[in-house]
Amino acid sequence: MKKKIFSSLLMGAFLFASTSMITSCKDYDDDINDLKALVNQNSTALDQAKQDLQGKIDKLTGELSTLKVR
């Protein structure tokens, strides 16, 4: 009788553990999409900063060339 009760409890514990592992999986699609959006946003900001920096470099190069001519 004790073996049967112990066996039933053990089987119940395994069943409970397996179902809790299956139902506890999370869908990470939203997290991945949020991270992709953040990467795209940072990429856009980085591209804008590169363009601004290149514009300033071009302006300084032009000013240096006019100073060398004088």
PDB file of N, CA and C in Angstrom:
ATOM      1  N   MET A   1       0.811  -1.192   0.000  1.00  0.00           N
ATOM      2  CA  MET A   1       0.000   0.000   0.000  1.00  0.00           C
ATOM      3  C   MET A   1       0.858   1.260   0.000  1.00  0.00           C
ATOM      4  N   LYS A   2       1.930   1.283   0.826  1.00  0.00           N
ATOM      5  CA  LYS A   2       2.801   2.443   0.887  1.00  0.00           C
ATOM      6  C   LYS A   2       3.525   2.651  -0.440  1.00  0.00           C
ATOM      7  N   LYS A   3       3.900   1.520  -1.092  1.00  0.00           N
ATOM      8  CA  LYS A   3       4.576   1.632  -2.383  1.00  0.00           C
ATOM      9  C   LYS A   3       3.646   2.214  -3.431  1.00  0.00           C
ATOM     10  N   LYS A   4       2.382   1.841  -3.368  1.00  0.00           N
ATOM     11  CA  LYS A   4       1.420   2.339  -4.342  1.00  0.00           C
ATOM     12  C   LYS A   4       1.197   3.843  -4.152  1.00  0.00           C
ATOM     13  N   ILE A   5       1.094   4.288  -2.917  1.00  0.00           N
ATOM     14  CA  ILE A   5       0.912   5.718  -2.638  1.00  0.00           C
ATOM     15  C   ILE A   5       2.163   6.493  -3.051  1.00  0.00           C
ATOM     16  N   PHE A   6       3.326   5.964  -2.690  1.00  0.00           N
ATOM     17  CA  PHE A   6       4.576   6.615  -3.057  1.00  0.00           C
ATOM     18  C   PHE A   6       4.723   6.672  -4.577  1.00  0.00           C
ATOM     19  N   SER A   7       4.380   5.587  -5.247  1.00  0.00           N
ATOM     20  CA  SER A   7       4.447   5.542  -6.702  1.00  0.00           C
ATOM     21  C   SER A   7       3.497   6.563  -7.316  1.00  0.00           C
ATOM     22  N   SER A   8       2.310   6.677  -6.789  1.00  0.00           N
ATOM     23  CA  SER A   8       1.337   7.647  -7.298  1.00  0.00           C
ATOM     24  C   SER A   8       1.816   9.071  -7.071  1.00  0.00           C
ATOM     25  N   LEU A   9       2.367   9.349  -5.912  1.00  0.00           N
ATOM     26  CA  LEU A   9       2.891  10.690  -5.629  1.00  0.00           C
ATOM     27  C   LEU A   9       4.062  11.029  -6.539  1.00  0.00           C
ATOM     28  N   LEU A  10       4.938  10.054  -6.755  1.00  0.00           N
ATOM     29  CA  LEU A  10       6.083  10.272  -7.626  1.00  0.00           C
ATOM     30  C   LEU A  10       5.632  10.535  -9.058  1.00  0.00           C
ATOM     31  N   MET A  11       4.680   9.747  -9.523  1.00  0.00           N
ATOM     32  CA  MET A  11       4.150   9.941 -10.872  1.00  0.00           C
ATOM     33  C   MET A  11       3.469  11.308 -10.988  1.00  0.00           C
ATOM     34  N   GLY A  12       2.743  11.715  -9.972  1.00  0.00           N
ATOM     35  CA  GLY A  12       2.105  13.026  -9.968  1.00  0.00           C
ATOM     36  C   GLY A  12       3.122  14.149  -9.988  1.00  0.00           C
ATOM     37  N   ALA A  13       4.216  13.976  -9.251  1.00  0.00           N
ATOM     38  CA  ALA A  13       5.267  14.992  -9.229  1.00  0.00           C
ATOM     39  C   ALA A  13       5.915  15.128 -10.601  1.00  0.00           C
ATOM     40  N   PHE A  14       6.177  14.003 -11.257  1.00  0.00           N
ATOM     41  CA  PHE A  14       6.757  14.051 -12.602  1.00  0.00           C
ATOM     42  C   PHE A  14       5.800  14.693 -13.592  1.00  0.00           C
ATOM     43  N   LEU A  15       4.534  14.371 -13.482  1.00  0.00           N
ATOM     44  CA  LEU A  15       3.530  14.944 -14.371  1.00  0.00           C
ATOM     45  C   LEU A  15       3.429  16.450 -14.157  1.00  0.00           C
ATOM     46  N   PHE A  16       3.395  16.863 -12.894  1.00  0.00           N
ATOM     47  CA  PHE A  16       3.324  18.292 -12.580  1.00  0.00           C
ATOM     48  C   PHE A  16       4.562  19.028 -13.082  1.00  0.00           C
ATOM     49  N   ALA A  17       5.738  18.453 -12.895  1.00  0.00           N
ATOM     50  CA  ALA A  17       6.983  19.084 -13.325  1.00  0.00           C
ATOM     51  C   ALA A  17       7.032  19.216 -14.841  1.00  0.00           C
ATOM     52  N   SER A  18       6.601  18.201 -15.549  1.00  0.00           N
ATOM     53  CA  SER A  18       6.649  18.255 -17.010  1.00  0.00           C
ATOM     54  C   SER A  18       5.657  19.263 -17.565  1.00  0.00           C
ATOM     55  N   THR A  19       4.477  19.360 -16.977  1.00  0.00           N
ATOM     56  CA  THR A  19       3.500  20.329 -17.486  1.00  0.00           C
ATOM     57  C   THR A  19       3.901  21.749 -17.140  1.00  0.00           C
ATOM     58  N   SER A  20       4.534  21.952 -16.010  1.00  0.00           N
ATOM     59  CA  SER A  20       4.943  23.312 -15.670  1.00  0.00           C
ATOM     60  C   SER A  20       6.097  23.756 -16.551  1.00  0.00           C
ATOM     61  N   MET A  21       6.934  22.848 -16.984  1.00  0.00           N
ATOM     62  CA  MET A  21       8.022  23.214 -17.894  1.00  0.00           C
ATOM     63  C   MET A  21       7.462  23.531 -19.268  1.00  0.00           C
ATOM     64  N   ILE A  22       6.450  22.834 -19.694  1.00  0.00           N
ATOM     65  CA  ILE A  22       5.878  23.062 -21.017  1.00  0.00           C
ATOM     66  C   ILE A  22       5.113  24.377 -21.043  1.00  0.00           C
ATOM     67  N   THR A  23       4.348  24.667 -20.029  1.00  0.00           N
ATOM     68  CA  THR A  23       3.538  25.879 -20.030  1.00  0.00           C
ATOM     69  C   THR A  23       4.330  27.120 -19.640  1.00  0.00           C
ATOM     70  N   SER A  24       5.528  26.963 -19.126  1.00  0.00           N
ATOM     71  CA  SER A  24       6.282  28.129 -18.705  1.00  0.00           C
ATOM     72  C   SER A  24       7.131  28.715 -19.823  1.00  0.00           C
ATOM     73  N   CYS A  25       7.111  28.105 -20.997  1.00  0.00           N
ATOM     74  CA  CYS A  25       7.857  28.654 -22.126  1.00  0.00           C
ATOM     75  C   CYS A  25       7.245  29.992 -22.511  1.00  0.00           C
ATOM     76  N   LYS A  26       8.103  30.925 -22.854  1.00  0.00           N
ATOM     77  CA  LYS A  26       7.649  32.263 -23.186  1.00  0.00           C
ATOM     78  C   LYS A  26       7.863  32.517 -24.667  1.00  0.00           C
ATOM     79  N   ASP A  27       6.996  33.267 -25.258  1.00  0.00           N
ATOM     80  CA  ASP A  27       7.138  33.662 -26.646  1.00  0.00           C
ATOM     81  C   ASP A  27       8.024  34.902 -26.682  1.00  0.00           C
ATOM     82  N   TYR A  28       9.176  34.778 -27.291  1.00  0.00           N
ATOM     83  CA  TYR A  28      10.148  35.866 -27.296  1.00  0.00           C
ATOM     84  C   TYR A  28      10.068  36.726 -28.550  1.00  0.00           C
ATOM     85  N   ASP A  29       9.057  36.528 -29.393  1.00  0.00           N
ATOM     86  CA  ASP A  29       8.952  37.296 -30.628  1.00  0.00           C
ATOM     87  C   ASP A  29       8.829  38.788 -30.358  1.00  0.00           C
ATOM     88  N   ASP A  30       8.050  39.175 -29.363  1.00  0.00           N
ATOM     89  CA  ASP A  30       7.889  40.595 -29.047  1.00  0.00           C
ATOM     90  C   ASP A  30       9.207  41.202 -28.584  1.00  0.00           C
ATOM     91  N   ASP A  31       9.941  40.473 -27.746  1.00  0.00           N
ATOM     92  CA  ASP A  31      11.229  40.973 -27.269  1.00  0.00           C
ATOM     93  C   ASP A  31      12.214  41.124 -28.427  1.00  0.00           C
ATOM     94  N   ILE A  32      12.228  40.159 -29.313  1.00  0.00           N
ATOM     95  CA  ILE A  32      13.133  40.209 -30.463  1.00  0.00           C
ATOM     96  C   ILE A  32      12.767  41.375 -31.374  1.00  0.00           C
ATOM     97  N   ASN A  33      11.480  41.571 -31.609  1.00  0.00           N
ATOM     98  CA  ASN A  33      11.048  42.688 -32.456  1.00  0.00           C
ATOM     99  C   ASN A  33      11.390  44.029 -31.823  1.00  0.00           C
ATOM    100  N   ASP A  34      11.256  44.133 -30.511  1.00  0.00           N
ATOM    101  CA  ASP A  34      11.628  45.371 -29.819  1.00  0.00           C
ATOM    102  C   ASP A  34      13.122  45.642 -29.953  1.00  0.00           C
ATOM    103  N   LEU A  35      13.926  44.602 -29.813  1.00  0.00           N
ATOM    104  CA  LEU A  35      15.368  44.773 -29.951  1.00  0.00           C
ATOM    105  C   LEU A  35      15.761  45.145 -31.379  1.00  0.00           C
ATOM    106  N   LYS A  36      15.094  44.553 -32.365  1.00  0.00           N
ATOM    107  CA  LYS A  36      15.362  44.905 -33.765  1.00  0.00           C
ATOM    108  C   LYS A  36      15.015  46.360 -34.024  1.00  0.00           C
ATOM    109  N   ALA A  37      13.900  46.816 -33.469  1.00  0.00           N
ATOM    110  CA  ALA A  37      13.501  48.217 -33.640  1.00  0.00           C
ATOM    111  C   ALA A  37      14.520  49.146 -32.989  1.00  0.00           C
ATOM    112  N   LEU A  38      15.028  48.756 -31.835  1.00  0.00           N
ATOM    113  CA  LEU A  38      16.027  49.566 -31.154  1.00  0.00           C
ATOM    114  C   LEU A  38      17.326  49.617 -31.951  1.00  0.00           C
ATOM    115  N   VAL A  39      17.720  48.493 -32.533  1.00  0.00           N
ATOM    116  CA  VAL A  39      18.925  48.461 -33.361  1.00  0.00           C
ATOM    117  C   VAL A  39      18.746  49.356 -34.587  1.00  0.00           C
ATOM    118  N   ASN A  40      17.573  49.290 -35.215  1.00  0.00           N
ATOM    119  CA  ASN A  40      17.310  50.141 -36.376  1.00  0.00           C
ATOM    120  C   ASN A  40      17.327  51.621 -35.997  1.00  0.00           C
ATOM    121  N   GLN A  41      16.769  51.940 -34.847  1.00  0.00           N
ATOM    122  CA  GLN A  41      16.752  53.324 -34.378  1.00  0.00           C
ATOM    123  C   GLN A  41      18.170  53.822 -34.125  1.00  0.00           C
ATOM    124  N   ASN A  42      18.982  52.991 -33.468  1.00  0.00           N
ATOM    125  CA  ASN A  42      20.366  53.375 -33.198  1.00  0.00           C
ATOM    126  C   ASN A  42      21.168  53.473 -34.483  1.00  0.00           C
ATOM    127  N   SER A  43      20.882  52.617 -35.441  1.00  0.00           N
ATOM    128  CA  SER A  43      21.574  52.660 -36.725  1.00  0.00           C
ATOM    129  C   SER A  43      21.256  53.955 -37.465  1.00  0.00           C
ATOM    130  N   THR A  44      20.001  54.361 -37.419  1.00  0.00           N
ATOM    131  CA  THR A  44      19.592  55.610 -38.057  1.00  0.00           C
ATOM    132  C   THR A  44      20.274  56.806 -37.388  1.00  0.00           C
ATOM    133  N   ALA A  45      20.316  56.803 -36.078  1.00  0.00           N
ATOM    134  CA  ALA A  45      20.976  57.893 -35.350  1.00  0.00           C
ATOM    135  C   ALA A  45      22.471  57.917 -35.650  1.00  0.00           C
ATOM    136  N   LEU A  46      23.079  56.756 -35.756  1.00  0.00           N
ATOM    137  CA  LEU A  46      24.501  56.677 -36.075  1.00  0.00           C
ATOM    138  C   LEU A  46      24.779  57.187 -37.485  1.00  0.00           C
ATOM    139  N   ASP A  47      23.917  56.825 -38.436  1.00  0.00           N
ATOM    140  CA  ASP A  47      24.080  57.315 -39.806  1.00  0.00           C
ATOM    141  C   ASP A  47      23.961  58.834 -39.861  1.00  0.00           C
ATOM    142  N   GLN A  48      23.028  59.393 -39.105  1.00  0.00           N
ATOM    143  CA  GLN A  48      22.858  60.847 -39.067  1.00  0.00           C
ATOM    144  C   GLN A  48      24.091  61.506 -38.457  1.00  0.00           C
ATOM    145  N   ALA A  49      24.632  60.921 -37.408  1.00  0.00           N
ATOM    146  CA  ALA A  49      25.838  61.472 -36.784  1.00  0.00           C
ATOM    147  C   ALA A  49      27.022  61.405 -37.742  1.00  0.00           C
ATOM    148  N   LYS A  50      27.113  60.331 -38.511  1.00  0.00           N
ATOM    149  CA  LYS A  50      28.187  60.214 -39.505  1.00  0.00           C
ATOM    150  C   LYS A  50      28.067  61.298 -40.569  1.00  0.00           C
ATOM    151  N   GLN A  51      26.841  61.536 -41.025  1.00  0.00           N
ATOM    152  CA  GLN A  51      26.623  62.572 -42.034  1.00  0.00           C
ATOM    153  C   GLN A  51      26.974  63.949 -41.487  1.00  0.00           C
ATOM    154  N   ASP A  52      26.578  64.233 -40.270  1.00  0.00           N
ATOM    155  CA  ASP A  52      26.910  65.519 -39.650  1.00  0.00           C
ATOM    156  C   ASP A  52      28.418  65.688 -39.517  1.00  0.00           C
ATOM    157  N   LEU A  53      29.076  64.638 -39.070  1.00  0.00           N
ATOM    158  CA  LEU A  53      30.525  64.688 -38.900  1.00  0.00           C
ATOM    159  C   LEU A  53      31.219  64.859 -40.246  1.00  0.00           C
ATOM    160  N   GLN A  54      30.759  64.151 -41.269  1.00  0.00           N
ATOM    161  CA  GLN A  54      31.364  64.286 -42.591  1.00  0.00           C
ATOM    162  C   GLN A  54      31.167  65.700 -43.129  1.00  0.00           C
ATOM    163  N   GLY A  55      30.004  66.293 -42.881  1.00  0.00           N
ATOM    164  CA  GLY A  55      29.757  67.670 -43.304  1.00  0.00           C
ATOM    165  C   GLY A  55      30.707  68.640 -42.613  1.00  0.00           C
ATOM    166  N   LYS A  56      30.948  68.443 -41.337  1.00  0.00           N
ATOM    167  CA  LYS A  56      31.874  69.316 -40.612  1.00  0.00           C
ATOM    168  C   LYS A  56      33.309  69.115 -41.086  1.00  0.00           C
ATOM    169  N   ILE A  57      33.675  67.874 -41.385  1.00  0.00           N
ATOM    170  CA  ILE A  57      35.024  67.601 -41.898  1.00  0.00           C
ATOM    171  C   ILE A  57      35.206  68.266 -43.253  1.00  0.00           C
ATOM    172  N   ASP A  58      34.200  68.175 -44.120  1.00  0.00           N
ATOM    173  CA  ASP A  58      34.279  68.814 -45.435  1.00  0.00           C
ATOM    174  C   ASP A  58      34.398  70.333 -45.298  1.00  0.00           C
ATOM    175  N   LYS A  59      33.631  70.903 -44.360  1.00  0.00           N
ATOM    176  CA  LYS A  59      33.684  72.349 -44.138  1.00  0.00           C
ATOM    177  C   LYS A  59      35.065  72.762 -43.648  1.00  0.00           C
ATOM    178  N   LEU A  60      35.633  72.029 -42.697  1.00  0.00           N
ATOM    179  CA  LEU A  60      36.959  72.354 -42.186  1.00  0.00           C
ATOM    180  C   LEU A  60      38.040  72.162 -43.247  1.00  0.00           C
ATOM    181  N   THR A  61      37.891  71.144 -44.073  1.00  0.00           N
ATOM    182  CA  THR A  61      38.854  70.919 -45.155  1.00  0.00           C
ATOM    183  C   THR A  61      38.815  72.080 -46.138  1.00  0.00           C
ATOM    184  N   GLY A  62      37.620  72.559 -46.443  1.00  0.00           N
ATOM    185  CA  GLY A  62      37.489  73.720 -47.329  1.00  0.00           C
ATOM    186  C   GLY A  62      38.115  74.965 -46.721  1.00  0.00           C
ATOM    187  N   GLU A  63      37.883  75.191 -45.444  1.00  0.00           N
ATOM    188  CA  GLU A  63      38.466  76.347 -44.774  1.00  0.00           C
ATOM    189  C   GLU A  63      39.990  76.249 -44.728  1.00  0.00           C
ATOM    190  N   LEU A  64      40.519  75.063 -44.503  1.00  0.00           N
ATOM    191  CA  LEU A  64      41.969  74.876 -44.486  1.00  0.00           C
ATOM    192  C   LEU A  64      42.571  75.123 -45.860  1.00  0.00           C
ATOM    193  N   SER A  65      41.904  74.689 -46.883  1.00  0.00           N
ATOM    194  CA  SER A  65      42.437  74.898 -48.237  1.00  0.00           C
ATOM    195  C   SER A  65      42.412  76.381 -48.597  1.00  0.00           C
ATOM    196  N   THR A  66      41.402  77.133 -48.139  1.00  0.00           N
ATOM    197  CA  THR A  66      41.392  78.566 -48.427  1.00  0.00           C
ATOM    198  C   THR A  66      42.472  79.281 -47.617  1.00  0.00           C
ATOM    199  N   LEU A  67      42.778  78.803 -46.426  1.00  0.00           N
ATOM    200  CA  LEU A  67      43.841  79.411 -45.629  1.00  0.00           C
ATOM    201  C   LEU A  67      45.213  79.135 -46.244  1.00  0.00           C
ATOM    202  N   LYS A  68      45.413  77.980 -46.845  1.00  0.00           N
ATOM    203  CA  LYS A  68      46.679  77.638 -47.465  1.00  0.00           C
ATOM    204  C   LYS A  68      46.914  78.474 -48.718  1.00  0.00           C
ATOM    205  N   VAL A  69      45.842  78.835 -49.414  1.00  0.00           N
ATOM    206  CA  VAL A  69      45.963  79.633 -50.649  1.00  0.00           C
ATOM    207  C   VAL A  69      46.406  81.044 -50.319  1.00  0.00           C
ATOM    208  N   ARG A  70      45.979  81.583 -49.251  1.00  0.00           N
ATOM    209  CA  ARG A  70      46.306  82.974 -48.888  1.00  0.00           C
ATOM    210  C   ARG A  70      47.723  83.084 -48.567  1.00  0.00           C
TER     211      ARG A  70
END
